[in-house]
């Protein structure tokens, strides 16, 4: 795991801003998982089985965060 983000050099609004940004990500992740699990449930796929497939996939997808950041910084992704 990473070191915690230090807000001592930032303004007082930085910590709550990061908090809300991370909560926005987690809400979308959980909603997306529940939606995906509901989509495959009629095919007989249990939520636990969906989770076993989704967890490593999500890890792979989050690896693209830095790539997208670099592309955006270079003006390649708007």
PDB file of N, CA and C in Angstrom:
ATOM      1  N   UNK A   1       0.822  -1.177   0.000  1.00  0.00           N
ATOM      2  CA  UNK A   1       0.000   0.000   0.000  1.00  0.00           C
ATOM      3  C   UNK A   1       0.870   1.246   0.000  1.00  0.00           C
ATOM      4  N   UNK A   2       0.356   2.309  -0.558  1.00  0.00           N
ATOM      5  CA  UNK A   2       1.078   3.580  -0.599  1.00  0.00           C
ATOM      6  C   UNK A   2       1.147   4.226   0.766  1.00  0.00           C
ATOM      7  N   UNK A   3       2.063   5.155   0.854  1.00  0.00           N
ATOM      8  CA  UNK A   3       2.117   6.016   2.037  1.00  0.00           C
ATOM      9  C   UNK A   3       0.889   6.931   2.009  1.00  0.00           C
ATOM     10  N   UNK A   4       0.378   7.318   3.153  1.00  0.00           N
ATOM     11  CA  UNK A   4      -0.769   8.243   3.160  1.00  0.00           C
ATOM     12  C   UNK A   4      -0.403   9.587   2.537  1.00  0.00           C
ATOM     13  N   UNK A   5      -1.367  10.219   1.936  1.00  0.00           N
ATOM     14  CA  UNK A   5      -1.162  11.548   1.356  1.00  0.00           C
ATOM     15  C   UNK A   5      -1.028  12.543   2.500  1.00  0.00           C
ATOM     16  N   UNK A   6      -0.009  13.390   2.403  1.00  0.00           N
ATOM     17  CA  UNK A   6       0.224  14.386   3.452  1.00  0.00           C
ATOM     18  C   UNK A   6      -0.402  15.708   3.031  1.00  0.00           C
ATOM     19  N   UNK A   7      -1.258  16.239   3.874  1.00  0.00           N
ATOM     20  CA  UNK A   7      -1.945  17.485   3.559  1.00  0.00           C
ATOM     21  C   UNK A   7      -1.366  18.675   4.308  1.00  0.00           C
ATOM     22  N   UNK A   8      -0.243  18.491   5.000  1.00  0.00           N
ATOM     23  CA  UNK A   8       0.297  19.564   5.830  1.00  0.00           C
ATOM     24  C   UNK A   8       0.742  20.769   5.006  1.00  0.00           C
ATOM     25  N   UNK A   9       1.101  20.562   3.752  1.00  0.00           N
ATOM     26  CA  UNK A   9       1.553  21.679   2.912  1.00  0.00           C
ATOM     27  C   UNK A   9       0.409  22.254   2.074  1.00  0.00           C
ATOM     28  N   UNK A  10      -0.767  21.699   2.236  1.00  0.00           N
ATOM     29  CA  UNK A  10      -1.909  22.109   1.418  1.00  0.00           C
ATOM     30  C   UNK A  10      -2.889  22.944   2.230  1.00  0.00           C
ATOM     31  N   UNK A  11      -3.848  23.488   1.534  1.00  0.00           N
ATOM     32  CA  UNK A  11      -4.875  24.246   2.239  1.00  0.00           C
ATOM     33  C   UNK A  11      -5.811  23.294   2.976  1.00  0.00           C
ATOM     34  N   UNK A  12      -6.607  23.838   3.859  1.00  0.00           N
ATOM     35  CA  UNK A  12      -7.476  23.028   4.714  1.00  0.00           C
ATOM     36  C   UNK A  12      -8.532  22.267   3.926  1.00  0.00           C
ATOM     37  N   UNK A  13      -8.844  22.666   2.730  1.00  0.00           N
ATOM     38  CA  UNK A  13      -9.861  21.988   1.938  1.00  0.00           C
ATOM     39  C   UNK A  13      -9.376  20.782   1.171  1.00  0.00           C
ATOM     40  N   UNK A  14      -8.068  20.535   1.170  1.00  0.00           N
ATOM     41  CA  UNK A  14      -7.529  19.426   0.381  1.00  0.00           C
ATOM     42  C   UNK A  14      -7.974  18.055   0.892  1.00  0.00           C
ATOM     43  N   UNK A  15      -7.934  17.847   2.196  1.00  0.00           N
ATOM     44  CA  UNK A  15      -8.295  16.537   2.743  1.00  0.00           C
ATOM     45  C   UNK A  15      -9.742  16.173   2.432  1.00  0.00           C
ATOM     46  N   UNK A  16     -10.718  17.064   2.682  1.00  0.00           N
ATOM     47  CA  UNK A  16     -12.085  16.697   2.335  1.00  0.00           C
ATOM     48  C   UNK A  16     -12.306  16.549   0.827  1.00  0.00           C
ATOM     49  N   UNK A  17     -11.551  17.294   0.034  1.00  0.00           N
ATOM     50  CA  UNK A  17     -11.670  17.165  -1.416  1.00  0.00           C
ATOM     51  C   UNK A  17     -11.224  15.775  -1.864  1.00  0.00           C
ATOM     52  N   UNK A  18     -10.065  15.318  -1.360  1.00  0.00           N
ATOM     53  CA  UNK A  18      -9.598  13.959  -1.654  1.00  0.00           C
ATOM     54  C   UNK A  18     -10.615  12.933  -1.166  1.00  0.00           C
ATOM     55  N   UNK A  19     -11.161  13.144   0.010  1.00  0.00           N
ATOM     56  CA  UNK A  19     -12.128  12.215   0.586  1.00  0.00           C
ATOM     57  C   UNK A  19     -13.333  12.065  -0.339  1.00  0.00           C
ATOM     58  N   UNK A  20     -13.883  13.170  -0.793  1.00  0.00           N
ATOM     59  CA  UNK A  20     -15.038  13.114  -1.683  1.00  0.00           C
ATOM     60  C   UNK A  20     -14.684  12.480  -3.028  1.00  0.00           C
ATOM     61  N   UNK A  21     -13.502  12.779  -3.534  1.00  0.00           N
ATOM     62  CA  UNK A  21     -13.084  12.193  -4.811  1.00  0.00           C
ATOM     63  C   UNK A  21     -12.962  10.671  -4.698  1.00  0.00           C
ATOM     64  N   UNK A  22     -12.354  10.198  -3.604  1.00  0.00           N
ATOM     65  CA  UNK A  22     -12.213   8.750  -3.424  1.00  0.00           C
ATOM     66  C   UNK A  22     -13.558   8.084  -3.169  1.00  0.00           C
ATOM     67  N   UNK A  23     -14.439   8.749  -2.442  1.00  0.00           N
ATOM     68  CA  UNK A  23     -15.774   8.201  -2.224  1.00  0.00           C
ATOM     69  C   UNK A  23     -16.542   8.107  -3.540  1.00  0.00           C
ATOM     70  N   UNK A  24     -16.365   9.078  -4.423  1.00  0.00           N
ATOM     71  CA  UNK A  24     -17.020   9.010  -5.730  1.00  0.00           C
ATOM     72  C   UNK A  24     -16.568   7.771  -6.492  1.00  0.00           C
ATOM     73  N   UNK A  25     -15.283   7.463  -6.414  1.00  0.00           N
ATOM     74  CA  UNK A  25     -14.764   6.269  -7.086  1.00  0.00           C
ATOM     75  C   UNK A  25     -15.363   5.007  -6.478  1.00  0.00           C
ATOM     76  N   UNK A  26     -15.358   4.910  -5.161  1.00  0.00           N
ATOM     77  CA  UNK A  26     -15.822   3.682  -4.515  1.00  0.00           C
ATOM     78  C   UNK A  26     -17.314   3.476  -4.736  1.00  0.00           C
ATOM     79  N   UNK A  27     -18.102   4.549  -4.741  1.00  0.00           N
ATOM     80  CA  UNK A  27     -19.537   4.399  -4.985  1.00  0.00           C
ATOM     81  C   UNK A  27     -19.795   3.825  -6.372  1.00  0.00           C
ATOM     82  N   UNK A  28     -19.070   4.328  -7.364  1.00  0.00           N
ATOM     83  CA  UNK A  28     -19.237   3.830  -8.730  1.00  0.00           C
ATOM     84  C   UNK A  28     -18.788   2.372  -8.822  1.00  0.00           C
ATOM     85  N   UNK A  29     -17.700   2.026  -8.154  1.00  0.00           N
ATOM     86  CA  UNK A  29     -17.215   0.644  -8.183  1.00  0.00           C
ATOM     87  C   UNK A  29     -18.247  -0.303  -7.585  1.00  0.00           C
ATOM     88  N   UNK A  30     -18.766   0.023  -6.409  1.00  0.00           N
ATOM     89  CA  UNK A  30     -19.744  -0.858  -5.780  1.00  0.00           C
ATOM     90  C   UNK A  30     -21.035  -0.928  -6.578  1.00  0.00           C
ATOM     91  N   UNK A  31     -21.510   0.194  -7.077  1.00  0.00           N
ATOM     92  CA  UNK A  31     -22.727   0.186  -7.886  1.00  0.00           C
ATOM     93  C   UNK A  31     -22.517  -0.639  -9.153  1.00  0.00           C
ATOM     94  N   UNK A  32     -21.360  -0.488  -9.764  1.00  0.00           N
ATOM     95  CA  UNK A  32     -21.049  -1.261 -10.968  1.00  0.00           C
ATOM     96  C   UNK A  32     -20.978  -2.749 -10.693  1.00  0.00           C
ATOM     97  N   UNK A  33     -20.383  -3.121  -9.559  1.00  0.00           N
ATOM     98  CA  UNK A  33     -20.323  -4.541  -9.206  1.00  0.00           C
ATOM     99  C   UNK A  33     -21.721  -5.101  -8.990  1.00  0.00           C
ATOM    100  N   UNK A  34     -22.544  -4.386  -8.224  1.00  0.00           N
ATOM    101  CA  UNK A  34     -23.897  -4.871  -7.954  1.00  0.00           C
ATOM    102  C   UNK A  34     -24.712  -4.978  -9.244  1.00  0.00           C
ATOM    103  N   UNK A  35     -24.533  -4.025 -10.135  1.00  0.00           N
ATOM    104  CA  UNK A  35     -25.228  -4.075 -11.415  1.00  0.00           C
ATOM    105  C   UNK A  35     -24.763  -5.277 -12.232  1.00  0.00           C
ATOM    106  N   UNK A  36     -23.461  -5.472 -12.300  1.00  0.00           N
ATOM    107  CA  UNK A  36     -22.925  -6.614 -13.048  1.00  0.00           C
ATOM    108  C   UNK A  36     -23.367  -7.943 -12.453  1.00  0.00           C
ATOM    109  N   UNK A  37     -23.353  -8.044 -11.123  1.00  0.00           N
ATOM    110  CA  UNK A  37     -23.797  -9.278 -10.468  1.00  0.00           C
ATOM    111  C   UNK A  37     -25.269  -9.534 -10.764  1.00  0.00           C
ATOM    112  N   UNK A  38     -26.083  -8.481 -10.784  1.00  0.00           N
ATOM    113  CA  UNK A  38     -27.496  -8.637 -11.093  1.00  0.00           C
ATOM    114  C   UNK A  38     -27.699  -9.064 -12.550  1.00  0.00           C
ATOM    115  N   UNK A  39     -26.823  -8.618 -13.431  1.00  0.00           N
ATOM    116  CA  UNK A  39     -26.948  -8.990 -14.840  1.00  0.00           C
ATOM    117  C   UNK A  39     -26.679 -10.475 -15.066  1.00  0.00           C
ATOM    118  N   UNK A  40     -25.709 -11.051 -14.347  1.00  0.00           N
ATOM    119  CA  UNK A  40     -25.367 -12.456 -14.569  1.00  0.00           C
ATOM    120  C   UNK A  40     -26.121 -13.407 -13.645  1.00  0.00           C
ATOM    121  N   UNK A  41     -26.824 -12.877 -12.647  1.00  0.00           N
ATOM    122  CA  UNK A  41     -27.579 -13.728 -11.715  1.00  0.00           C
ATOM    123  C   UNK A  41     -28.618 -14.599 -12.414  1.00  0.00           C
ATOM    124  N   UNK A  42     -29.370 -14.090 -13.400  1.00  0.00           N
ATOM    125  CA  UNK A  42     -30.348 -14.955 -14.066  1.00  0.00           C
ATOM    126  C   UNK A  42     -29.708 -16.146 -14.796  1.00  0.00           C
ATOM    127  N   UNK A  43     -28.427 -16.035 -15.105  1.00  0.00           N
ATOM    128  CA  UNK A  43     -27.718 -17.143 -15.748  1.00  0.00           C
ATOM    129  C   UNK A  43     -27.197 -18.139 -14.727  1.00  0.00           C
ATOM    130  N   UNK A  44     -27.543 -17.919 -13.450  1.00  0.00           N
ATOM    131  CA  UNK A  44     -27.131 -18.846 -12.399  1.00  0.00           C
ATOM    132  C   UNK A  44     -25.771 -18.548 -11.790  1.00  0.00           C
ATOM    133  N   UNK A  45     -25.235 -17.369 -12.040  1.00  0.00           N
ATOM    134  CA  UNK A  45     -23.927 -16.988 -11.494  1.00  0.00           C
ATOM    135  C   UNK A  45     -24.152 -16.323 -10.140  1.00  0.00           C
ATOM    136  N   UNK A  46     -23.576 -16.893  -9.093  1.00  0.00           N
ATOM    137  CA  UNK A  46     -23.714 -16.344  -7.743  1.00  0.00           C
ATOM    138  C   UNK A  46     -22.886 -15.072  -7.597  1.00  0.00           C
ATOM    139  N   UNK A  47     -23.299 -14.219  -6.671  1.00  0.00           N
ATOM    140  CA  UNK A  47     -22.571 -12.963  -6.434  1.00  0.00           C
ATOM    141  C   UNK A  47     -21.119 -13.236  -6.041  1.00  0.00           C
ATOM    142  N   UNK A  48     -20.891 -14.284  -5.262  1.00  0.00           N
ATOM    143  CA  UNK A  48     -19.517 -14.623  -4.880  1.00  0.00           C
ATOM    144  C   UNK A  48     -18.657 -15.003  -6.069  1.00  0.00           C
ATOM    145  N   UNK A  49     -19.253 -15.682  -7.024  1.00  0.00           N
ATOM    146  CA  UNK A  49     -18.527 -16.037  -8.243  1.00  0.00           C
ATOM    147  C   UNK A  49     -18.236 -14.787  -9.071  1.00  0.00           C
ATOM    148  N   UNK A  50     -19.208 -13.877  -9.127  1.00  0.00           N
ATOM    149  CA  UNK A  50     -18.983 -12.603  -9.821  1.00  0.00           C
ATOM    150  C   UNK A  50     -17.842 -11.835  -9.173  1.00  0.00           C
ATOM    151  N   UNK A  51     -17.820 -11.836  -7.836  1.00  0.00           N
ATOM    152  CA  UNK A  51     -16.758 -11.131  -7.112  1.00  0.00           C
ATOM    153  C   UNK A  51     -15.394 -11.743  -7.402  1.00  0.00           C
ATOM    154  N   UNK A  52     -15.339 -13.065  -7.485  1.00  0.00           N
ATOM    155  CA  UNK A  52     -14.063 -13.738  -7.756  1.00  0.00           C
ATOM    156  C   UNK A  52     -13.521 -13.366  -9.132  1.00  0.00           C
ATOM    157  N   UNK A  53     -14.412 -13.098 -10.067  1.00  0.00           N
ATOM    158  CA  UNK A  53     -13.988 -12.680 -11.407  1.00  0.00           C
ATOM    159  C   UNK A  53     -13.689 -11.179 -11.437  1.00  0.00           C
ATOM    160  N   UNK A  54     -14.521 -10.395 -10.743  1.00  0.00           N
ATOM    161  CA  UNK A  54     -14.406  -8.938 -10.809  1.00  0.00           C
ATOM    162  C   UNK A  54     -13.179  -8.394 -10.086  1.00  0.00           C
ATOM    163  N   UNK A  55     -12.798  -8.996  -8.962  1.00  0.00           N
ATOM    164  CA  UNK A  55     -11.699  -8.432  -8.162  1.00  0.00           C
ATOM    165  C   UNK A  55     -10.380  -8.358  -8.934  1.00  0.00           C
ATOM    166  N   UNK A  56      -9.904  -9.457  -9.557  1.00  0.00           N
ATOM    167  CA  UNK A  56      -8.649  -9.329 -10.301  1.00  0.00           C
ATOM    168  C   UNK A  56      -8.785  -8.439 -11.542  1.00  0.00           C
ATOM    169  N   UNK A  57      -9.967  -8.447 -12.140  1.00  0.00           N
ATOM    170  CA  UNK A  57     -10.192  -7.596 -13.299  1.00  0.00           C
ATOM    171  C   UNK A  57     -10.101  -6.129 -12.893  1.00  0.00           C
ATOM    172  N   UNK A  58     -10.716  -5.797 -11.754  1.00  0.00           N
ATOM    173  CA  UNK A  58     -10.673  -4.419 -11.268  1.00  0.00           C
ATOM    174  C   UNK A  58      -9.234  -3.995 -10.950  1.00  0.00           C
ATOM    175  N   UNK A  59      -8.460  -4.895 -10.373  1.00  0.00           N
ATOM    176  CA  UNK A  59      -7.040  -4.597 -10.109  1.00  0.00           C
ATOM    177  C   UNK A  59      -6.314  -4.271 -11.406  1.00  0.00           C
ATOM    178  N   UNK A  60      -6.577  -5.045 -12.440  1.00  0.00           N
ATOM    179  CA  UNK A  60      -5.942  -4.787 -13.739  1.00  0.00           C
ATOM    180  C   UNK A  60      -6.381  -3.447 -14.311  1.00  0.00           C
ATOM    181  N   UNK A  61      -7.661  -3.121 -14.175  1.00  0.00           N
ATOM    182  CA  UNK A  61      -8.173  -1.864 -14.723  1.00  0.00           C
ATOM    183  C   UNK A  61      -7.609  -0.654 -13.987  1.00  0.00           C
ATOM    184  N   UNK A  62      -7.443  -0.741 -12.678  1.00  0.00           N
ATOM    185  CA  UNK A  62      -6.920   0.409 -11.944  1.00  0.00           C
ATOM    186  C   UNK A  62      -5.459   0.675 -12.285  1.00  0.00           C
ATOM    187  N   UNK A  63      -4.791  -0.310 -12.829  1.00  0.00           N
ATOM    188  CA  UNK A  63      -3.426  -0.095 -13.304  1.00  0.00           C
ATOM    189  C   UNK A  63      -3.366   0.922 -14.429  1.00  0.00           C
ATOM    190  N   UNK A  64      -4.486   1.131 -15.098  1.00  0.00           N
ATOM    191  CA  UNK A  64      -4.531   2.084 -16.212  1.00  0.00           C
ATOM    192  C   UNK A  64      -4.698   3.528 -15.750  1.00  0.00           C
ATOM    193  N   UNK A  65      -4.940   3.760 -14.465  1.00  0.00           N
ATOM    194  CA  UNK A  65      -5.128   5.131 -13.975  1.00  0.00           C
ATOM    195  C   UNK A  65      -3.928   6.012 -14.314  1.00  0.00           C
ATOM    196  N   UNK A  66      -2.739   5.537 -14.031  1.00  0.00           N
ATOM    197  CA  UNK A  66      -1.544   6.345 -14.290  1.00  0.00           C
ATOM    198  C   UNK A  66      -1.321   6.569 -15.781  1.00  0.00           C
ATOM    199  N   UNK A  67      -1.629   5.549 -16.590  1.00  0.00           N
ATOM    200  CA  UNK A  67      -1.495   5.704 -18.044  1.00  0.00           C
ATOM    201  C   UNK A  67      -2.441   6.789 -18.538  1.00  0.00           C
ATOM    202  N   UNK A  68      -3.674   6.760 -18.075  1.00  0.00           N
ATOM    203  CA  UNK A  68      -4.646   7.776 -18.487  1.00  0.00           C
ATOM    204  C   UNK A  68      -4.222   9.166 -18.015  1.00  0.00           C
ATOM    205  N   UNK A  69      -3.665   9.226 -16.807  1.00  0.00           N
ATOM    206  CA  UNK A  69      -3.196  10.510 -16.282  1.00  0.00           C
ATOM    207  C   UNK A  69      -2.094  11.077 -17.177  1.00  0.00           C
ATOM    208  N   UNK A  70      -1.138  10.254 -17.545  1.00  0.00           N
ATOM    209  CA  UNK A  70      -0.032  10.732 -18.399  1.00  0.00           C
ATOM    210  C   UNK A  70      -0.555  11.169 -19.764  1.00  0.00           C
ATOM    211  N   UNK A  71      -1.481  10.404 -20.331  1.00  0.00           N
ATOM    212  CA  UNK A  71      -2.042  10.777 -21.640  1.00  0.00           C
ATOM    213  C   UNK A  71      -2.798  12.101 -21.540  1.00  0.00           C
ATOM    214  N   UNK A  72      -3.537  12.273 -20.477  1.00  0.00           N
ATOM    215  CA  UNK A  72      -4.301  13.514 -20.309  1.00  0.00           C
ATOM    216  C   UNK A  72      -3.357  14.704 -20.151  1.00  0.00           C
ATOM    217  N   UNK A  73      -2.283  14.496 -19.367  1.00  0.00           N
ATOM    218  CA  UNK A  73      -1.317  15.581 -19.155  1.00  0.00           C
ATOM    219  C   UNK A  73      -0.667  16.018 -20.451  1.00  0.00           C
ATOM    220  N   UNK A  74      -0.487  15.066 -21.381  1.00  0.00           N
ATOM    221  CA  UNK A  74       0.125  15.386 -22.675  1.00  0.00           C
ATOM    222  C   UNK A  74      -0.890  15.895 -23.692  1.00  0.00           C
ATOM    223  N   UNK A  75      -2.161  15.992 -23.268  1.00  0.00           N
ATOM    224  CA  UNK A  75      -3.179  16.500 -24.167  1.00  0.00           C
ATOM    225  C   UNK A  75      -3.722  15.457 -25.123  1.00  0.00           C
ATOM    226  N   UNK A  76      -3.455  14.176 -24.864  1.00  0.00           N
ATOM    227  CA  UNK A  76      -3.902  13.121 -25.758  1.00  0.00           C
ATOM    228  C   UNK A  76      -5.285  12.583 -25.413  1.00  0.00           C
ATOM    229  N   UNK A  77      -5.762  12.929 -24.244  1.00  0.00           N
ATOM    230  CA  UNK A  77      -7.071  12.457 -23.809  1.00  0.00           C
ATOM    231  C   UNK A  77      -7.795  13.617 -23.134  1.00  0.00           C
ATOM    232  N   UNK A  78      -8.892  13.992 -23.646  1.00  0.00           N
ATOM    233  CA  UNK A  78      -9.605  15.149 -23.081  1.00  0.00           C
ATOM    234  C   UNK A  78     -10.900  14.743 -22.479  1.00  0.00           C
TER     235      UNK A  78
END
